[in-house]
Amino acid sequence: MGELALRPLRAADETAVRAAHAVMAAEGFEFALGLGACSEWADYLDLLDRLRRGVEMPDGWVPATFLVAEVAGRHGRLDG
């Protein structure tokens, strides 16, 4: 099966994360917290980095680290 690894989001993850976010939003769940407030993917990655470091956080937010899982170098997919 392969080794499981956790990692932060990267520039190449935009399409997969936006797709997952849209699917889950249709179910009433916000998968990528704060994504809607960022017009550019680079801005979202910056937000996640600031949240991880606890710097310039939005009101009411706490430090957090958002990681995705990969098995054998591949992240999970919604379509199997």
N, C-alpha and C. Protein backbone atom coordinates (compact mmCIF):
# COMPACT_ATOMS: atom_id res chain seq x y z
N MET A 1 0.82 -1.19 0.00
CA MET A 1 0.00 0.00 0.00
C MET A 1 0.87 1.25 0.00
N GLY A 2 1.87 1.35 0.83
CA GLY A 2 2.75 2.50 0.84
C GLY A 2 2.76 3.20 2.17
N GLU A 3 3.73 4.07 2.32
CA GLU A 3 3.93 4.81 3.56
C GLU A 3 3.03 6.04 3.60
N LEU A 4 2.41 6.27 4.76
CA LEU A 4 1.56 7.44 4.96
C LEU A 4 2.43 8.60 5.41
N ALA A 5 2.24 9.75 4.78
CA ALA A 5 2.97 10.96 5.16
C ALA A 5 1.98 12.12 5.25
N LEU A 6 2.16 12.98 6.24
CA LEU A 6 1.37 14.20 6.39
C LEU A 6 2.23 15.37 5.98
N ARG A 7 1.61 16.33 5.26
CA ARG A 7 2.36 17.50 4.81
C ARG A 7 1.44 18.69 4.67
N PRO A 8 2.02 19.90 4.70
CA PRO A 8 1.21 21.09 4.45
C PRO A 8 0.83 21.17 2.96
N LEU A 9 -0.16 22.00 2.67
CA LEU A 9 -0.56 22.21 1.28
C LEU A 9 0.55 22.88 0.50
N ARG A 10 0.53 22.61 -0.81
CA ARG A 10 1.51 23.20 -1.73
C ARG A 10 0.76 23.89 -2.88
N ALA A 11 1.52 24.60 -3.68
CA ALA A 11 0.92 25.29 -4.83
C ALA A 11 0.19 24.31 -5.74
N ALA A 12 0.72 23.12 -5.93
CA ALA A 12 0.14 22.14 -6.85
C ALA A 12 -1.16 21.52 -6.33
N ASP A 13 -1.53 21.78 -5.09
CA ASP A 13 -2.73 21.19 -4.49
C ASP A 13 -4.00 21.99 -4.75
N GLU A 14 -3.91 23.13 -5.39
CA GLU A 14 -5.06 24.02 -5.50
C GLU A 14 -6.29 23.35 -6.09
N THR A 15 -6.17 22.69 -7.22
CA THR A 15 -7.33 22.10 -7.88
C THR A 15 -8.00 21.06 -6.99
N ALA A 16 -7.21 20.18 -6.39
CA ALA A 16 -7.77 19.12 -5.55
C ALA A 16 -8.45 19.69 -4.30
N VAL A 17 -7.85 20.69 -3.69
CA VAL A 17 -8.43 21.27 -2.48
C VAL A 17 -9.70 22.04 -2.81
N ARG A 18 -9.69 22.81 -3.87
CA ARG A 18 -10.90 23.54 -4.25
C ARG A 18 -12.04 22.57 -4.58
N ALA A 19 -11.73 21.45 -5.23
CA ALA A 19 -12.76 20.46 -5.56
C ALA A 19 -13.31 19.82 -4.29
N ALA A 20 -12.43 19.44 -3.38
CA ALA A 20 -12.87 18.84 -2.11
C ALA A 20 -13.70 19.82 -1.31
N HIS A 21 -13.27 21.07 -1.30
CA HIS A 21 -13.98 22.11 -0.58
C HIS A 21 -15.40 22.27 -1.14
N ALA A 22 -15.53 22.29 -2.46
CA ALA A 22 -16.85 22.45 -3.09
C ALA A 22 -17.77 21.28 -2.77
N VAL A 23 -17.25 20.06 -2.82
CA VAL A 23 -18.06 18.88 -2.52
C VAL A 23 -18.54 18.92 -1.08
N MET A 24 -17.64 19.23 -0.17
CA MET A 24 -18.02 19.24 1.24
C MET A 24 -18.90 20.43 1.60
N ALA A 25 -18.71 21.57 0.93
CA ALA A 25 -19.57 22.73 1.17
C ALA A 25 -21.02 22.42 0.80
N ALA A 26 -21.20 21.61 -0.22
CA ALA A 26 -22.56 21.21 -0.62
C ALA A 26 -23.25 20.40 0.48
N GLU A 27 -22.45 19.81 1.36
CA GLU A 27 -22.96 19.04 2.50
C GLU A 27 -23.01 19.88 3.78
N GLY A 28 -22.67 21.18 3.67
CA GLY A 28 -22.70 22.06 4.82
C GLY A 28 -21.45 22.04 5.67
N PHE A 29 -20.34 21.54 5.13
CA PHE A 29 -19.07 21.45 5.87
C PHE A 29 -18.01 22.29 5.17
N GLU A 30 -17.35 23.17 5.92
CA GLU A 30 -16.28 23.98 5.34
C GLU A 30 -14.96 23.25 5.51
N PHE A 31 -14.50 22.60 4.46
CA PHE A 31 -13.28 21.80 4.48
C PHE A 31 -12.03 22.66 4.62
N ALA A 32 -11.87 23.63 3.76
CA ALA A 32 -10.68 24.49 3.74
C ALA A 32 -11.04 25.82 4.42
N LEU A 33 -10.93 25.83 5.74
CA LEU A 33 -11.31 27.02 6.51
C LEU A 33 -10.56 28.25 6.01
N GLY A 34 -11.31 29.32 5.74
CA GLY A 34 -10.72 30.57 5.31
C GLY A 34 -10.48 30.68 3.82
N LEU A 35 -10.71 29.63 3.06
CA LEU A 35 -10.44 29.66 1.62
C LEU A 35 -11.28 30.72 0.92
N GLY A 36 -12.53 30.87 1.32
CA GLY A 36 -13.41 31.83 0.68
C GLY A 36 -12.99 33.28 0.85
N ALA A 37 -12.20 33.56 1.88
CA ALA A 37 -11.73 34.92 2.13
C ALA A 37 -10.48 35.27 1.33
N CYS A 38 -9.92 34.30 0.62
CA CYS A 38 -8.68 34.51 -0.14
C CYS A 38 -8.97 34.44 -1.63
N SER A 39 -8.65 35.50 -2.34
CA SER A 39 -8.92 35.51 -3.78
C SER A 39 -7.87 34.72 -4.57
N GLU A 40 -6.68 34.58 -4.04
CA GLU A 40 -5.61 33.86 -4.72
C GLU A 40 -5.14 32.69 -3.87
N TRP A 41 -4.73 31.59 -4.52
CA TRP A 41 -4.25 30.41 -3.81
C TRP A 41 -3.03 30.74 -2.96
N ALA A 42 -2.14 31.57 -3.47
CA ALA A 42 -0.94 31.96 -2.70
C ALA A 42 -1.35 32.66 -1.41
N ASP A 43 -2.42 33.45 -1.46
CA ASP A 43 -2.91 34.11 -0.25
C ASP A 43 -3.42 33.09 0.76
N TYR A 44 -4.07 32.04 0.27
CA TYR A 44 -4.57 30.99 1.16
C TYR A 44 -3.40 30.24 1.81
N LEU A 45 -2.39 29.91 1.02
CA LEU A 45 -1.21 29.25 1.58
C LEU A 45 -0.54 30.13 2.63
N ASP A 46 -0.52 31.44 2.38
CA ASP A 46 0.03 32.38 3.36
C ASP A 46 -0.81 32.39 4.64
N LEU A 47 -2.14 32.39 4.48
CA LEU A 47 -3.03 32.34 5.65
C LEU A 47 -2.74 31.08 6.48
N LEU A 48 -2.63 29.94 5.82
CA LEU A 48 -2.35 28.70 6.54
C LEU A 48 -1.01 28.76 7.27
N ASP A 49 -0.03 29.38 6.66
CA ASP A 49 1.28 29.52 7.30
C ASP A 49 1.17 30.42 8.53
N ARG A 50 0.44 31.52 8.41
CA ARG A 50 0.26 32.42 9.56
C ARG A 50 -0.51 31.73 10.68
N LEU A 51 -1.53 30.95 10.33
CA LEU A 51 -2.28 30.21 11.35
C LEU A 51 -1.38 29.21 12.07
N ARG A 52 -0.52 28.55 11.31
CA ARG A 52 0.39 27.58 11.91
C ARG A 52 1.34 28.26 12.91
N ARG A 53 1.79 29.46 12.55
CA ARG A 53 2.72 30.20 13.42
C ARG A 53 2.01 31.03 14.47
N GLY A 54 0.68 31.18 14.37
CA GLY A 54 -0.07 32.00 15.33
C GLY A 54 0.17 33.48 15.15
N VAL A 55 0.38 33.91 13.90
CA VAL A 55 0.71 35.29 13.58
C VAL A 55 -0.43 35.93 12.77
N GLU A 56 -0.83 37.16 13.15
CA GLU A 56 -1.85 37.91 12.41
C GLU A 56 -3.09 37.06 12.16
N MET A 57 -3.62 36.50 13.21
CA MET A 57 -4.75 35.59 13.08
C MET A 57 -6.07 36.34 13.02
N PRO A 58 -7.04 35.83 12.25
CA PRO A 58 -8.36 36.44 12.25
C PRO A 58 -8.97 36.39 13.66
N ASP A 59 -9.81 37.35 13.98
CA ASP A 59 -10.46 37.37 15.29
C ASP A 59 -11.19 36.06 15.55
N GLY A 60 -11.02 35.53 16.74
CA GLY A 60 -11.70 34.32 17.14
C GLY A 60 -11.04 33.03 16.69
N TRP A 61 -9.94 33.11 15.97
CA TRP A 61 -9.25 31.91 15.50
C TRP A 61 -8.12 31.56 16.47
N VAL A 62 -7.71 30.31 16.48
CA VAL A 62 -6.59 29.85 17.30
C VAL A 62 -5.54 29.26 16.37
N PRO A 63 -4.29 29.19 16.82
CA PRO A 63 -3.27 28.57 15.98
C PRO A 63 -3.68 27.16 15.57
N ALA A 64 -3.39 26.81 14.33
CA ALA A 64 -3.76 25.50 13.80
C ALA A 64 -2.83 25.13 12.65
N THR A 65 -2.69 23.85 12.44
CA THR A 65 -1.90 23.36 11.31
C THR A 65 -2.79 22.47 10.45
N PHE A 66 -2.92 22.81 9.18
CA PHE A 66 -3.73 22.05 8.23
C PHE A 66 -2.78 21.18 7.41
N LEU A 67 -2.94 19.88 7.51
CA LEU A 67 -2.08 18.94 6.78
C LEU A 67 -2.93 18.04 5.91
N VAL A 68 -2.36 17.58 4.82
CA VAL A 68 -3.01 16.59 3.97
C VAL A 68 -2.20 15.30 4.06
N ALA A 69 -2.86 14.21 3.79
CA ALA A 69 -2.21 12.90 3.84
C ALA A 69 -1.87 12.42 2.44
N GLU A 70 -0.73 11.78 2.33
CA GLU A 70 -0.31 11.13 1.09
C GLU A 70 0.08 9.70 1.43
N VAL A 71 -0.24 8.80 0.53
CA VAL A 71 0.23 7.43 0.64
C VAL A 71 1.05 7.16 -0.61
N ALA A 72 2.29 6.79 -0.39
CA ALA A 72 3.22 6.54 -1.50
C ALA A 72 3.30 7.73 -2.46
N GLY A 73 3.29 8.95 -1.89
CA GLY A 73 3.44 10.15 -2.70
C GLY A 73 2.18 10.65 -3.38
N ARG A 74 1.03 10.01 -3.10
CA ARG A 74 -0.23 10.44 -3.72
C ARG A 74 -1.21 10.84 -2.64
N HIS A 75 -1.88 12.00 -2.84
CA HIS A 75 -2.89 12.42 -1.90
C HIS A 75 -4.21 11.75 -2.26
N GLY A 76 -5.12 11.72 -1.27
CA GLY A 76 -6.42 11.12 -1.49
C GLY A 76 -7.20 11.86 -2.55
N ARG A 77 -8.11 11.16 -3.21
CA ARG A 77 -8.94 11.76 -4.26
C ARG A 77 -10.39 11.50 -3.94
N LEU A 78 -11.23 12.45 -4.30
CA LEU A 78 -12.65 12.30 -4.07
C LEU A 78 -13.29 11.32 -5.04
N ASP A 79 -12.71 11.13 -6.19
CA ASP A 79 -13.33 10.29 -7.21
C ASP A 79 -12.76 8.88 -7.24
N GLY A 80 -12.07 8.50 -6.17
CA GLY A 80 -11.55 7.14 -6.09
C GLY A 80 -10.22 7.07 -6.69
